[in-house]
Amino acid sequence: MIGKNASLIIDQNYKKNPNPRVLAIETWRSIHVPGYGPPPKTTAQLEEDAKAQLKQLIDLATKLGYPPKDHPQFVNYCRQASEDWLRASELDSPAPRGHFLRIMGQSDREFVENANPSASIPQALALMNSDIISEKNLLSPFSPLMNFISQAKNPTEKAKAAYLAILSRHPTPDENAAWNKATASGLSINDLVYALLNSKQFIFIQ
């Protein structure tokens, strides 16, 4: 019980559900009881943290070779990715229904060993139609995958980089020929990455 003389400091920062696309946004305020844990940061401290994070991201963009005109987009991508792609230790377990981990067979923890290792149609649809393999995420020019591929100098080298990054091997002569034919018909490296990430070799072997 909190004594009547104890003062409460309200943290005005709102938190949201990690998967608002599926569940309604949940908001709440956390309260701090003096003497228990670190006090909430002041507005000035939060602003300093934001400035330090911005500088860190701009320095990273410069290190990765992005021109200054692309720095704002790189910063926005990184901030969005930090919300969408959390570490496993930061996620609720089990993940909410509709979350990528649940789609891929994560246990709902209602029974022991209730995970599902079998492939399913929702899994295939998630890889083909969701935002995971799109210009918002993996196909963004600011994603680590596409940044690695973009460093290649020509279409042949880009294809080689894509195969190495996704399948951990070089393309075969037949695959190189198919890629050259595809580029002649107007397909881009994004199309190749999408196809590789949805290939049976990546899904069932890698």
Protein backbone atom coordinates (compact mmCIF):
# COMPACT_ATOMS: atom_id res chain seq x y z
CA MET A 1 0.00 0.00 0.00
CA ILE A 2 1.26 3.48 -0.78
CA GLY A 3 1.22 5.88 2.11
CA LYS A 4 -0.96 8.95 1.80
CA ASN A 5 2.09 11.21 2.06
CA ALA A 6 3.92 9.50 -0.82
CA SER A 7 4.00 11.58 -3.97
CA LEU A 8 3.51 10.00 -7.38
CA ILE A 9 5.25 11.21 -10.51
CA ILE A 10 3.25 10.51 -13.63
CA ASP A 11 5.23 9.54 -16.69
CA GLN A 12 3.41 11.14 -19.61
CA ASN A 13 5.03 8.89 -22.18
CA TYR A 14 2.51 6.54 -23.76
CA LYS A 15 3.33 3.03 -24.85
CA LYS A 16 1.48 1.14 -27.54
CA ASN A 17 0.71 -2.43 -28.42
CA PRO A 18 3.65 -3.92 -30.41
CA ASN A 19 1.28 -5.19 -33.09
CA PRO A 20 -1.38 -2.47 -33.62
CA ARG A 21 -2.25 -3.82 -37.08
CA VAL A 22 -3.95 -6.79 -35.43
CA LEU A 23 -4.98 -5.62 -31.98
CA ALA A 24 -6.35 -2.25 -30.99
CA ILE A 25 -3.79 0.23 -29.71
CA GLU A 26 -3.39 -0.04 -25.94
CA THR A 27 -2.17 2.99 -24.00
CA TRP A 28 -1.31 3.40 -20.37
CA ARG A 29 0.69 5.59 -18.04
CA SER A 30 3.39 4.28 -15.75
CA ILE A 31 3.77 5.78 -12.30
CA HIS A 32 6.95 6.20 -10.30
CA VAL A 33 7.10 5.87 -6.53
CA PRO A 34 10.14 7.79 -5.21
CA GLY A 35 12.75 5.44 -3.85
CA TYR A 36 11.79 2.56 -6.15
CA GLY A 37 13.72 2.47 -9.40
CA PRO A 38 15.06 5.33 -11.48
CA PRO A 39 12.79 8.36 -11.82
CA PRO A 40 11.23 9.16 -15.20
CA LYS A 41 13.36 11.32 -17.47
CA THR A 42 12.55 14.98 -17.73
CA THR A 43 11.54 16.61 -21.00
CA ALA A 44 15.04 18.06 -21.32
CA GLN A 45 16.62 14.63 -20.84
CA LEU A 46 14.30 13.08 -23.42
CA GLU A 47 15.21 15.82 -25.90
CA GLU A 48 18.91 15.20 -25.30
CA ASP A 49 18.38 11.46 -25.85
CA ALA A 50 16.54 12.18 -29.11
CA LYS A 51 19.36 14.44 -30.33
CA ALA A 52 21.97 11.82 -29.43
CA GLN A 53 20.01 9.11 -31.26
CA LEU A 54 19.60 11.35 -34.33
CA LYS A 55 23.35 12.03 -34.42
CA GLN A 56 24.09 8.32 -34.04
CA LEU A 57 21.80 7.42 -36.96
CA ILE A 58 23.19 10.18 -39.19
CA ASP A 59 26.74 9.01 -38.39
CA LEU A 60 25.68 5.46 -39.30
CA ALA A 61 24.14 6.66 -42.58
CA THR A 62 27.38 8.44 -43.43
CA LYS A 63 29.41 5.36 -42.57
CA LEU A 64 27.22 3.20 -44.82
CA GLY A 65 27.73 5.60 -47.70
CA TYR A 66 24.28 7.20 -48.00
CA PRO A 67 24.37 10.77 -49.39
CA PRO A 68 23.16 13.59 -47.07
CA LYS A 69 19.91 13.96 -49.04
CA ASP A 70 18.96 10.40 -48.03
CA HIS A 71 19.76 10.82 -44.33
CA PRO A 72 16.19 11.83 -43.26
CA GLN A 73 14.73 8.76 -45.00
CA PHE A 74 17.38 6.52 -43.45
CA VAL A 75 16.58 7.90 -39.99
CA ASN A 76 12.84 7.34 -40.53
CA TYR A 77 13.48 3.77 -41.71
CA CYS A 78 15.62 2.97 -38.66
CA ARG A 79 13.08 4.42 -36.25
CA GLN A 80 10.24 2.49 -37.87
CA ALA A 81 12.31 -0.70 -37.89
CA SER A 82 13.05 -0.31 -34.18
CA GLU A 83 9.29 -0.40 -33.54
CA ASP A 84 8.41 -3.20 -35.97
CA TRP A 85 11.42 -5.48 -35.45
CA LEU A 86 11.97 -6.01 -31.74
CA ARG A 87 14.40 -8.41 -30.11
CA ALA A 88 12.85 -11.67 -28.91
CA SER A 89 13.49 -10.64 -25.29
CA GLU A 90 11.41 -7.49 -25.83
CA LEU A 91 8.33 -9.35 -27.12
CA ASP A 92 5.46 -10.72 -25.12
CA SER A 93 5.36 -14.49 -25.12
CA PRO A 94 3.27 -15.73 -26.77
CA ALA A 95 3.16 -13.02 -29.39
CA PRO A 96 -0.30 -11.58 -30.20
CA ARG A 97 -2.45 -13.35 -32.79
CA GLY A 98 -1.48 -12.25 -36.26
CA HIS A 99 2.12 -11.54 -35.28
CA PHE A 100 4.79 -12.94 -37.61
CA LEU A 101 6.07 -15.37 -34.95
CA ARG A 102 2.58 -16.78 -34.32
CA ILE A 103 2.01 -17.17 -38.06
CA MET A 104 5.29 -19.07 -38.30
CA GLY A 105 4.24 -21.57 -35.64
CA GLN A 106 5.13 -20.05 -32.26
CA SER A 107 3.40 -21.83 -29.37
CA ASP A 108 0.36 -20.15 -27.83
CA ARG A 109 1.56 -21.66 -24.48
CA GLU A 110 -1.86 -23.08 -23.71
CA PHE A 111 -0.32 -26.57 -23.75
CA VAL A 112 3.21 -27.90 -23.40
CA GLU A 113 4.99 -28.21 -26.78
CA ASN A 114 2.13 -26.50 -28.60
CA ALA A 115 4.28 -25.02 -31.35
CA ASN A 116 3.49 -26.00 -34.94
CA PRO A 117 6.47 -26.91 -37.18
CA SER A 118 4.32 -27.60 -40.25
CA ALA A 119 4.15 -25.27 -43.23
CA SER A 120 0.82 -23.55 -43.81
CA ILE A 121 -1.00 -21.33 -46.28
CA PRO A 122 -0.97 -18.29 -43.93
CA GLN A 123 2.82 -18.58 -43.76
CA ALA A 124 3.12 -18.54 -47.54
CA LEU A 125 0.69 -15.61 -47.80
CA ALA A 126 2.63 -13.70 -45.13
CA LEU A 127 5.81 -13.97 -47.18
CA MET A 128 4.12 -13.21 -50.49
CA ASN A 129 1.66 -10.46 -49.59
CA SER A 130 2.56 -8.86 -46.27
CA ASP A 131 4.74 -5.82 -45.59
CA ILE A 132 7.65 -8.07 -44.58
CA ILE A 133 9.01 -8.38 -48.12
CA SER A 134 8.13 -4.90 -49.35
CA GLU A 135 9.77 -1.53 -49.81
CA LYS A 136 8.72 -0.70 -46.26
CA ASN A 137 10.94 -3.41 -44.80
CA LEU A 138 13.32 -5.88 -46.46
CA LEU A 139 13.15 -4.29 -49.91
CA SER A 140 13.77 -0.79 -48.62
CA PRO A 141 17.02 0.68 -50.00
CA PHE A 142 17.94 1.36 -46.37
CA SER A 143 17.60 -2.24 -45.15
CA PRO A 144 20.87 -4.09 -44.42
CA LEU A 145 20.02 -6.65 -47.12
CA MET A 146 19.45 -4.14 -49.91
CA ASN A 147 22.35 -1.98 -48.76
CA PHE A 148 24.65 -4.99 -49.16
CA ILE A 149 23.28 -5.77 -52.62
CA SER A 150 23.43 -2.15 -53.79
CA GLN A 151 27.21 -2.10 -53.27
CA ALA A 152 27.60 -4.42 -56.27
CA LYS A 153 28.61 -2.58 -59.44
CA ASN A 154 26.51 -4.27 -62.14
CA PRO A 155 23.41 -6.49 -62.48
CA THR A 156 25.45 -9.71 -62.54
CA GLU A 157 27.28 -8.77 -59.34
CA LYS A 158 24.02 -7.67 -57.71
CA ALA A 159 22.50 -11.08 -58.46
CA LYS A 160 25.57 -12.76 -56.99
CA ALA A 161 25.26 -10.63 -53.84
CA ALA A 162 21.56 -11.51 -53.52
CA TYR A 163 22.24 -15.24 -53.79
CA LEU A 164 25.06 -15.01 -51.26
CA ALA A 165 22.96 -13.01 -48.78
CA ILE A 166 19.80 -15.13 -49.07
CA LEU A 167 20.91 -18.63 -50.07
CA SER A 168 24.58 -18.50 -48.99
CA ARG A 169 25.78 -19.65 -52.40
CA HIS A 170 26.65 -18.33 -55.85
CA PRO A 171 24.05 -18.50 -58.66
CA THR A 172 24.47 -21.34 -61.13
CA PRO A 173 25.10 -20.63 -64.85
CA ASP A 174 21.46 -21.42 -65.59
CA GLU A 175 20.31 -19.01 -62.88
CA ASN A 176 22.63 -16.31 -64.23
CA ALA A 177 21.18 -16.83 -67.69
CA ALA A 178 17.64 -16.62 -66.34
CA TRP A 179 18.52 -13.42 -64.47
CA ASN A 180 20.04 -11.81 -67.56
CA LYS A 181 16.87 -12.66 -69.50
CA ALA A 182 14.74 -11.23 -66.69
CA THR A 183 16.64 -7.94 -66.57
CA ALA A 184 16.23 -7.61 -70.33
CA SER A 185 12.45 -7.83 -69.83
CA GLY A 186 12.50 -5.07 -67.22
CA LEU A 187 12.69 -6.90 -63.88
CA SER A 188 14.72 -5.29 -61.10
CA ILE A 189 16.90 -6.63 -58.31
CA ASN A 190 13.93 -6.21 -55.96
CA ASP A 191 12.05 -8.79 -58.03
CA LEU A 192 14.94 -11.23 -57.71
CA VAL A 193 15.15 -10.76 -53.94
CA TYR A 194 11.39 -11.27 -53.62
CA ALA A 195 11.59 -14.47 -55.70
CA LEU A 196 14.53 -15.87 -53.70
CA LEU A 197 12.88 -15.17 -50.35
CA ASN A 198 9.79 -17.05 -51.57
CA SER A 199 11.74 -19.91 -53.13
CA LYS A 200 11.46 -23.44 -51.75
CA GLN A 201 15.20 -23.53 -51.16
CA PHE A 202 15.08 -20.55 -48.80
CA ILE A 203 11.84 -21.49 -47.06
CA PHE A 204 12.44 -25.19 -46.52
CA ILE A 205 16.24 -25.56 -46.50
CA GLN A 206 17.73 -22.35 -45.19
